[in-house]
Amino acid sequence: MLDNEAGSNTELITRGLISEGRIIRFIVGLKDRPGALREILSLIGSMNANILDIQVDRFYKKIGLGPVEVLISLETKSRDHTKEM
């Protein structure tokens, strides 16, 4: 019973953060080369956002040959922080 309540609380908090604009998702096209992902993650880190999830798609992307499509989910401090991102 406790696990269900904990999961429900987490989902409730997450939905609240999404509705407040504090959890965002975006897709970035990166060159498929060593260090490209590190560069974008370093930039996000320097802006003090919390990375929640990363998905790298080399095969089913919609951006053509060459670049890698990366879906990044972040938690920010506020709506203003989200706008900076």
PDB file of N, CA and C in Angstrom:
ATOM      1  N   MET A   1       0.820  -1.198   0.000  1.00  0.00           N
ATOM      2  CA  MET A   1       0.000   0.000   0.000  1.00  0.00           C
ATOM      3  C   MET A   1       0.864   1.261   0.000  1.00  0.00           C
ATOM      4  N   LEU A   2       1.925   1.242   0.756  1.00  0.00           N
ATOM      5  CA  LEU A   2       2.793   2.410   0.846  1.00  0.00           C
ATOM      6  C   LEU A   2       3.433   2.738  -0.500  1.00  0.00           C
ATOM      7  N   ASP A   3       3.833   1.710  -1.252  1.00  0.00           N
ATOM      8  CA  ASP A   3       4.454   1.949  -2.553  1.00  0.00           C
ATOM      9  C   ASP A   3       3.500   2.652  -3.501  1.00  0.00           C
ATOM     10  N   ASN A   4       2.232   2.263  -3.516  1.00  0.00           N
ATOM     11  CA  ASN A   4       1.253   2.917  -4.388  1.00  0.00           C
ATOM     12  C   ASN A   4       1.086   4.380  -4.024  1.00  0.00           C
ATOM     13  N   GLU A   5       1.044   4.671  -2.739  1.00  0.00           N
ATOM     14  CA  GLU A   5       0.905   6.060  -2.312  1.00  0.00           C
ATOM     15  C   GLU A   5       2.129   6.873  -2.709  1.00  0.00           C
ATOM     16  N   ALA A   6       3.306   6.308  -2.539  1.00  0.00           N
ATOM     17  CA  ALA A   6       4.527   7.020  -2.912  1.00  0.00           C
ATOM     18  C   ALA A   6       4.552   7.299  -4.406  1.00  0.00           C
ATOM     19  N   GLY A   7       4.149   6.316  -5.210  1.00  0.00           N
ATOM     20  CA  GLY A   7       4.093   6.511  -6.655  1.00  0.00           C
ATOM     21  C   GLY A   7       3.079   7.561  -7.048  1.00  0.00           C
ATOM     22  N   SER A   8       1.938   7.558  -6.379  1.00  0.00           N
ATOM     23  CA  SER A   8       0.899   8.549  -6.663  1.00  0.00           C
ATOM     24  C   SER A   8       1.377   9.945  -6.313  1.00  0.00           C
ATOM     25  N   ASN A   9       2.079  10.069  -5.183  1.00  0.00           N
ATOM     26  CA  ASN A   9       2.602  11.375  -4.786  1.00  0.00           C
ATOM     27  C   ASN A   9       3.628  11.881  -5.787  1.00  0.00           C
ATOM     28  N   THR A  10       4.491  11.002  -6.248  1.00  0.00           N
ATOM     29  CA  THR A  10       5.495  11.382  -7.238  1.00  0.00           C
ATOM     30  C   THR A  10       4.828  11.852  -8.521  1.00  0.00           C
ATOM     31  N   GLU A  11       3.827  11.117  -8.969  1.00  0.00           N
ATOM     32  CA  GLU A  11       3.116  11.503 -10.189  1.00  0.00           C
ATOM     33  C   GLU A  11       2.412  12.843 -10.006  1.00  0.00           C
ATOM     34  N   LEU A  12       1.799  13.053  -8.862  1.00  0.00           N
ATOM     35  CA  LEU A  12       1.106  14.308  -8.583  1.00  0.00           C
ATOM     36  C   LEU A  12       2.082  15.486  -8.603  1.00  0.00           C
ATOM     37  N   ILE A  13       3.226  15.319  -7.956  1.00  0.00           N
ATOM     38  CA  ILE A  13       4.240  16.376  -7.934  1.00  0.00           C
ATOM     39  C   ILE A  13       4.762  16.645  -9.343  1.00  0.00           C
ATOM     40  N   THR A  14       5.034  15.586 -10.094  1.00  0.00           N
ATOM     41  CA  THR A  14       5.542  15.738 -11.462  1.00  0.00           C
ATOM     42  C   THR A  14       4.541  16.476 -12.334  1.00  0.00           C
ATOM     43  N   ARG A  15       3.276  16.108 -12.253  1.00  0.00           N
ATOM     44  CA  ARG A  15       2.248  16.795 -13.047  1.00  0.00           C
ATOM     45  C   ARG A  15       2.148  18.272 -12.667  1.00  0.00           C
ATOM     46  N   GLY A  16       2.300  18.565 -11.381  1.00  0.00           N
ATOM     47  CA  GLY A  16       2.289  19.955 -10.937  1.00  0.00           C
ATOM     48  C   GLY A  16       3.455  20.740 -11.512  1.00  0.00           C
ATOM     49  N   LEU A  17       4.645  20.137 -11.509  1.00  0.00           N
ATOM     50  CA  LEU A  17       5.822  20.805 -12.075  1.00  0.00           C
ATOM     51  C   LEU A  17       5.668  21.031 -13.572  1.00  0.00           C
ATOM     52  N   ILE A  18       5.054  20.074 -14.261  1.00  0.00           N
ATOM     53  CA  ILE A  18       4.809  20.238 -15.699  1.00  0.00           C
ATOM     54  C   ILE A  18       3.836  21.385 -15.932  1.00  0.00           C
ATOM     55  N   SER A  19       2.752  21.428 -15.166  1.00  0.00           N
ATOM     56  CA  SER A  19       1.750  22.485 -15.364  1.00  0.00           C
ATOM     57  C   SER A  19       2.307  23.861 -15.015  1.00  0.00           C
ATOM     58  N   GLU A  20       3.296  23.914 -14.112  1.00  0.00           N
ATOM     59  CA  GLU A  20       3.946  25.179 -13.766  1.00  0.00           C
ATOM     60  C   GLU A  20       5.046  25.557 -14.757  1.00  0.00           C
ATOM     61  N   GLY A  21       5.293  24.709 -15.747  1.00  0.00           N
ATOM     62  CA  GLY A  21       6.337  24.990 -16.727  1.00  0.00           C
ATOM     63  C   GLY A  21       7.734  24.728 -16.202  1.00  0.00           C
ATOM     64  N   ARG A  22       7.854  23.936 -15.141  1.00  0.00           N
ATOM     65  CA  ARG A  22       9.168  23.666 -14.556  1.00  0.00           C
ATOM     66  C   ARG A  22       9.776  22.367 -15.036  1.00  0.00           C
ATOM     67  N   ILE A  23       9.004  21.527 -15.691  1.00  0.00           N
ATOM     68  CA  ILE A  23       9.557  20.351 -16.361  1.00  0.00           C
ATOM     69  C   ILE A  23       9.294  20.536 -17.843  1.00  0.00           C
ATOM     70  N   ILE A  24      10.353  20.500 -18.617  1.00  0.00           N
ATOM     71  CA  ILE A  24      10.243  20.718 -20.060  1.00  0.00           C
ATOM     72  C   ILE A  24      10.949  19.593 -20.805  1.00  0.00           C
ATOM     73  N   ARG A  25      10.530  19.413 -22.057  1.00  0.00           N
ATOM     74  CA  ARG A  25      11.174  18.440 -22.955  1.00  0.00           C
ATOM     75  C   ARG A  25      11.451  19.136 -24.270  1.00  0.00           C
ATOM     76  N   PHE A  26      12.585  18.825 -24.854  1.00  0.00           N
ATOM     77  CA  PHE A  26      12.891  19.370 -26.173  1.00  0.00           C
ATOM     78  C   PHE A  26      13.796  18.406 -26.919  1.00  0.00           C
ATOM     79  N   ILE A  27      13.809  18.549 -28.231  1.00  0.00           N
ATOM     80  CA  ILE A  27      14.634  17.706 -29.099  1.00  0.00           C
ATOM     81  C   ILE A  27      15.759  18.558 -29.667  1.00  0.00           C
ATOM     82  N   VAL A  28      16.962  18.009 -29.625  1.00  0.00           N
ATOM     83  CA  VAL A  28      18.141  18.678 -30.167  1.00  0.00           C
ATOM     84  C   VAL A  28      18.750  17.766 -31.220  1.00  0.00           C
ATOM     85  N   GLY A  29      19.134  18.334 -32.344  1.00  0.00           N
ATOM     86  CA  GLY A  29      19.887  17.588 -33.350  1.00  0.00           C
ATOM     87  C   GLY A  29      21.373  17.827 -33.128  1.00  0.00           C
ATOM     88  N   LEU A  30      22.125  16.763 -32.900  1.00  0.00           N
ATOM     89  CA  LEU A  30      23.567  16.879 -32.653  1.00  0.00           C
ATOM     90  C   LEU A  30      24.347  16.127 -33.715  1.00  0.00           C
ATOM     91  N   LYS A  31      25.533  16.629 -34.032  1.00  0.00           N
ATOM     92  CA  LYS A  31      26.422  15.882 -34.918  1.00  0.00           C
ATOM     93  C   LYS A  31      26.806  14.583 -34.226  1.00  0.00           C
ATOM     94  N   ASP A  32      26.862  13.513 -34.989  1.00  0.00           N
ATOM     95  CA  ASP A  32      27.217  12.204 -34.437  1.00  0.00           C
ATOM     96  C   ASP A  32      28.737  12.109 -34.358  1.00  0.00           C
ATOM     97  N   ARG A  33      29.290  12.718 -33.309  1.00  0.00           N
ATOM     98  CA  ARG A  33      30.736  12.731 -33.108  1.00  0.00           C
ATOM     99  C   ARG A  33      31.029  12.679 -31.614  1.00  0.00           C
ATOM    100  N   PRO A  34      32.196  12.195 -31.243  1.00  0.00           N
ATOM    101  CA  PRO A  34      32.552  12.135 -29.830  1.00  0.00           C
ATOM    102  C   PRO A  34      32.519  13.523 -29.183  1.00  0.00           C
ATOM    103  N   GLY A  35      31.893  13.618 -28.025  1.00  0.00           N
ATOM    104  CA  GLY A  35      31.863  14.870 -27.275  1.00  0.00           C
ATOM    105  C   GLY A  35      30.661  15.752 -27.532  1.00  0.00           C
ATOM    106  N   ALA A  36      29.876  15.484 -28.575  1.00  0.00           N
ATOM    107  CA  ALA A  36      28.739  16.348 -28.902  1.00  0.00           C
ATOM    108  C   ALA A  36      27.696  16.342 -27.785  1.00  0.00           C
ATOM    109  N   LEU A  37      27.376  15.171 -27.271  1.00  0.00           N
ATOM    110  CA  LEU A  37      26.395  15.080 -26.192  1.00  0.00           C
ATOM    111  C   LEU A  37      26.939  15.736 -24.921  1.00  0.00           C
ATOM    112  N   ARG A  38      28.210  15.523 -24.645  1.00  0.00           N
ATOM    113  CA  ARG A  38      28.832  16.141 -23.469  1.00  0.00           C
ATOM    114  C   ARG A  38      28.711  17.666 -23.520  1.00  0.00           C
ATOM    115  N   GLU A  39      28.873  18.250 -24.695  1.00  0.00           N
ATOM    116  CA  GLU A  39      28.802  19.707 -24.834  1.00  0.00           C
ATOM    117  C   GLU A  39      27.425  20.233 -24.460  1.00  0.00           C
ATOM    118  N   ILE A  40      26.364  19.608 -24.965  1.00  0.00           N
ATOM    119  CA  ILE A  40      25.014  20.089 -24.650  1.00  0.00           C
ATOM    120  C   ILE A  40      24.695  19.852 -23.180  1.00  0.00           C
ATOM    121  N   LEU A  41      25.138  18.719 -22.626  1.00  0.00           N
ATOM    122  CA  LEU A  41      24.884  18.435 -21.210  1.00  0.00           C
ATOM    123  C   LEU A  41      25.660  19.394 -20.309  1.00  0.00           C
ATOM    124  N   SER A  42      26.864  19.770 -20.704  1.00  0.00           N
ATOM    125  CA  SER A  42      27.644  20.753 -19.946  1.00  0.00           C
ATOM    126  C   SER A  42      26.958  22.111 -19.961  1.00  0.00           C
ATOM    127  N   LEU A  43      26.408  22.490 -21.107  1.00  0.00           N
ATOM    128  CA  LEU A  43      25.679  23.755 -21.212  1.00  0.00           C
ATOM    129  C   LEU A  43      24.471  23.750 -20.280  1.00  0.00           C
ATOM    130  N   ILE A  44      23.715  22.662 -20.294  1.00  0.00           N
ATOM    131  CA  ILE A  44      22.549  22.543 -19.411  1.00  0.00           C
ATOM    132  C   ILE A  44      22.994  22.608 -17.950  1.00  0.00           C
ATOM    133  N   GLY A  45      24.060  21.908 -17.615  1.00  0.00           N
ATOM    134  CA  GLY A  45      24.580  21.929 -16.249  1.00  0.00           C
ATOM    135  C   GLY A  45      25.024  23.316 -15.819  1.00  0.00           C
ATOM    136  N   SER A  46      25.641  24.057 -16.730  1.00  0.00           N
ATOM    137  CA  SER A  46      26.096  25.407 -16.401  1.00  0.00           C
ATOM    138  C   SER A  46      24.931  26.356 -16.141  1.00  0.00           C
ATOM    139  N   MET A  47      23.745  25.988 -16.645  1.00  0.00           N
ATOM    140  CA  MET A  47      22.540  26.799 -16.425  1.00  0.00           C
ATOM    141  C   MET A  47      21.746  26.299 -15.213  1.00  0.00           C
ATOM    142  N   ASN A  48      22.314  25.344 -14.485  1.00  0.00           N
ATOM    143  CA  ASN A  48      21.739  24.827 -13.239  1.00  0.00           C
ATOM    144  C   ASN A  48      20.360  24.199 -13.395  1.00  0.00           C
ATOM    145  N   ALA A  49      20.143  23.518 -14.503  1.00  0.00           N
ATOM    146  CA  ALA A  49      18.911  22.749 -14.678  1.00  0.00           C
ATOM    147  C   ALA A  49      19.198  21.299 -14.303  1.00  0.00           C
ATOM    148  N   ASN A  50      18.177  20.603 -13.858  1.00  0.00           N
ATOM    149  CA  ASN A  50      18.306  19.204 -13.467  1.00  0.00           C
ATOM    150  C   ASN A  50      17.855  18.318 -14.624  1.00  0.00           C
ATOM    151  N   ILE A  51      18.751  17.503 -15.150  1.00  0.00           N
ATOM    152  CA  ILE A  51      18.423  16.600 -16.253  1.00  0.00           C
ATOM    153  C   ILE A  51      17.676  15.399 -15.689  1.00  0.00           C
ATOM    154  N   LEU A  52      16.450  15.191 -16.167  1.00  0.00           N
ATOM    155  CA  LEU A  52      15.615  14.089 -15.701  1.00  0.00           C
ATOM    156  C   LEU A  52      15.730  12.858 -16.582  1.00  0.00           C
ATOM    157  N   ASP A  53      15.853  13.077 -17.897  1.00  0.00           N
ATOM    158  CA  ASP A  53      15.868  11.947 -18.824  1.00  0.00           C
ATOM    159  C   ASP A  53      16.522  12.368 -20.131  1.00  0.00           C
ATOM    160  N   ILE A  54      17.222  11.422 -20.751  1.00  0.00           N
ATOM    161  CA  ILE A  54      17.842  11.638 -22.061  1.00  0.00           C
ATOM    162  C   ILE A  54      17.554  10.417 -22.914  1.00  0.00           C
ATOM    163  N   GLN A  55      17.112  10.663 -24.150  1.00  0.00           N
ATOM    164  CA  GLN A  55      16.912   9.575 -25.108  1.00  0.00           C
ATOM    165  C   GLN A  55      17.649   9.946 -26.387  1.00  0.00           C
ATOM    166  N   VAL A  56      18.536   9.075 -26.818  1.00  0.00           N
ATOM    167  CA  VAL A  56      19.311   9.302 -28.037  1.00  0.00           C
ATOM    168  C   VAL A  56      18.758   8.399 -29.126  1.00  0.00           C
ATOM    169  N   ASP A  57      18.428   8.999 -30.277  1.00  0.00           N
ATOM    170  CA  ASP A  57      17.842   8.236 -31.382  1.00  0.00           C
ATOM    171  C   ASP A  57      18.712   8.395 -32.623  1.00  0.00           C
ATOM    172  N   ARG A  58      19.379   7.324 -32.989  1.00  0.00           N
ATOM    173  CA  ARG A  58      20.195   7.330 -34.200  1.00  0.00           C
ATOM    174  C   ARG A  58      19.445   6.746 -35.393  1.00  0.00           C
ATOM    175  N   PHE A  59      18.388   5.981 -35.135  1.00  0.00           N
ATOM    176  CA  PHE A  59      17.790   5.173 -36.197  1.00  0.00           C
ATOM    177  C   PHE A  59      16.405   5.622 -36.654  1.00  0.00           C
ATOM    178  N   TYR A  60      15.570   6.135 -35.770  1.00  0.00           N
ATOM    179  CA  TYR A  60      14.197   6.488 -36.135  1.00  0.00           C
ATOM    180  C   TYR A  60      13.988   7.994 -36.193  1.00  0.00           C
ATOM    181  N   LYS A  61      15.048   8.735 -36.241  1.00  0.00           N
ATOM    182  CA  LYS A  61      14.978  10.192 -36.231  1.00  0.00           C
ATOM    183  C   LYS A  61      14.292  10.738 -37.477  1.00  0.00           C
ATOM    184  N   LYS A  62      13.852  11.976 -37.366  1.00  0.00           N
ATOM    185  CA  LYS A  62      13.154  12.637 -38.470  1.00  0.00           C
ATOM    186  C   LYS A  62      13.997  13.752 -39.084  1.00  0.00           C
ATOM    187  N   ILE A  63      15.264  13.841 -38.710  1.00  0.00           N
ATOM    188  CA  ILE A  63      16.084  14.974 -39.144  1.00  0.00           C
ATOM    189  C   ILE A  63      17.093  14.617 -40.221  1.00  0.00           C
ATOM    190  N   GLY A  64      16.938  13.487 -40.861  1.00  0.00           N
ATOM    191  CA  GLY A  64      17.804  13.128 -41.975  1.00  0.00           C
ATOM    192  C   GLY A  64      19.060  12.389 -41.549  1.00  0.00           C
ATOM    193  N   LEU A  65      19.921  12.149 -42.523  1.00  0.00           N
ATOM    194  CA  LEU A  65      21.168  11.427 -42.263  1.00  0.00           C
ATOM    195  C   LEU A  65      22.180  12.335 -41.577  1.00  0.00           C
ATOM    196  N   GLY A  66      23.030  11.747 -40.775  1.00  0.00           N
ATOM    197  CA  GLY A  66      24.108  12.503 -40.135  1.00  0.00           C
ATOM    198  C   GLY A  66      23.835  12.837 -38.688  1.00  0.00           C
ATOM    199  N   PRO A  67      22.981  13.838 -38.424  1.00  0.00           N
ATOM    200  CA  PRO A  67      22.764  14.222 -37.026  1.00  0.00           C
ATOM    201  C   PRO A  67      22.067  13.136 -36.213  1.00  0.00           C
ATOM    202  N   VAL A  68      22.265  13.200 -34.915  1.00  0.00           N
ATOM    203  CA  VAL A  68      21.595  12.325 -33.958  1.00  0.00           C
ATOM    204  C   VAL A  68      20.521  13.159 -33.270  1.00  0.00           C
ATOM    205  N   GLU A  69      19.347  12.593 -33.087  1.00  0.00           N
ATOM    206  CA  GLU A  69      18.254  13.287 -32.413  1.00  0.00           C
ATOM    207  C   GLU A  69      18.286  12.926 -30.928  1.00  0.00           C
ATOM    208  N   VAL A  70      18.304  13.947 -30.064  1.00  0.00           N
ATOM    209  CA  VAL A  70      18.364  13.728 -28.621  1.00  0.00           C
ATOM    210  C   VAL A  70      17.162  14.413 -27.973  1.00  0.00           C
ATOM    211  N   LEU A  71      16.352  13.633 -27.251  1.00  0.00           N
ATOM    212  CA  LEU A  71      15.210  14.152 -26.496  1.00  0.00           C
ATOM    213  C   LEU A  71      15.665  14.317 -25.051  1.00  0.00           C
ATOM    214  N   ILE A  72      15.572  15.543 -24.551  1.00  0.00           N
ATOM    215  CA  ILE A  72      16.045  15.849 -23.201  1.00  0.00           C
ATOM    216  C   ILE A  72      14.879  16.375 -22.370  1.00  0.00           C
ATOM    217  N   SER A  73      14.722  15.829 -21.175  1.00  0.00           N
ATOM    218  CA  SER A  73      13.727  16.309 -20.213  1.00  0.00           C
ATOM    219  C   SER A  73      14.474  16.952 -19.049  1.00  0.00           C
ATOM    220  N   LEU A  74      14.029  18.156 -18.666  1.00  0.00           N
ATOM    221  CA  LEU A  74      14.696  18.929 -17.617  1.00  0.00           C
ATOM    222  C   LEU A  74      13.715  19.402 -16.565  1.00  0.00           C
ATOM    223  N   GLU A  75      14.226  19.604 -15.359  1.00  0.00           N
ATOM    224  CA  GLU A  75      13.485  20.321 -14.323  1.00  0.00           C
ATOM    225  C   GLU A  75      14.214  21.634 -14.082  1.00  0.00           C
ATOM    226  N   THR A  76      13.460  22.718 -14.080  1.00  0.00           N
ATOM    227  CA  THR A  76      14.031  24.041 -13.861  1.00  0.00           C
ATOM    228  C   THR A  76      13.556  24.603 -12.522  1.00  0.00           C
ATOM    229  N   LYS A  77      14.118  25.734 -12.132  1.00  0.00           N
ATOM    230  CA  LYS A  77      13.800  26.347 -10.838  1.00  0.00           C
ATOM    231  C   LYS A  77      12.506  27.155 -10.869  1.00  0.00           C
ATOM    232  N   SER A  78      12.172  27.700 -12.042  1.00  0.00           N
ATOM    233  CA  SER A  78      11.011  28.589 -12.149  1.00  0.00           C
ATOM    234  C   SER A  78      10.650  28.766 -13.621  1.00  0.00           C
ATOM    235  N   ARG A  79       9.536  29.449 -13.876  1.00  0.00           N
ATOM    236  CA  ARG A  79       9.160  29.752 -15.268  1.00  0.00           C
ATOM    237  C   ARG A  79      10.228  30.615 -15.938  1.00  0.00           C
ATOM    238  N   ASP A  80      10.775  31.565 -15.203  1.00  0.00           N
ATOM    239  CA  ASP A  80      11.829  32.412 -15.770  1.00  0.00           C
ATOM    240  C   ASP A  80      13.059  31.586 -16.132  1.00  0.00           C
ATOM    241  N   HIS A  81      13.412  30.648 -15.279  1.00  0.00           N
ATOM    242  CA  HIS A  81      14.541  29.760 -15.563  1.00  0.00           C
ATOM    243  C   HIS A  81      14.246  28.926 -16.805  1.00  0.00           C
ATOM    244  N   THR A  82      13.004  28.479 -16.946  1.00  0.00           N
ATOM    245  CA  THR A  82      12.598  27.716 -18.132  1.00  0.00           C
ATOM    246  C   THR A  82      12.782  28.561 -19.388  1.00  0.00           C
ATOM    247  N   LYS A  83      12.400  29.825 -19.331  1.00  0.00           N
ATOM    248  CA  LYS A  83      12.553  30.713 -20.491  1.00  0.00           C
ATOM    249  C   LYS A  83      14.023  30.876 -20.872  1.00  0.00           C
ATOM    250  N   GLU A  84      14.917  30.904 -19.876  1.00  0.00           N
ATOM    251  CA  GLU A  84      16.355  30.995 -20.148  1.00  0.00           C
ATOM    252  C   GLU A  84      16.857  29.770 -20.904  1.00  0.00           C
ATOM    253  N   MET A  85      16.286  28.627 -20.566  1.00  0.00           N
ATOM    254  CA  MET A  85      16.725  27.378 -21.185  1.00  0.00           C
ATOM    255  C   MET A  85      16.390  27.411 -22.666  1.00  0.00           C
TER     256      MET A  85
END
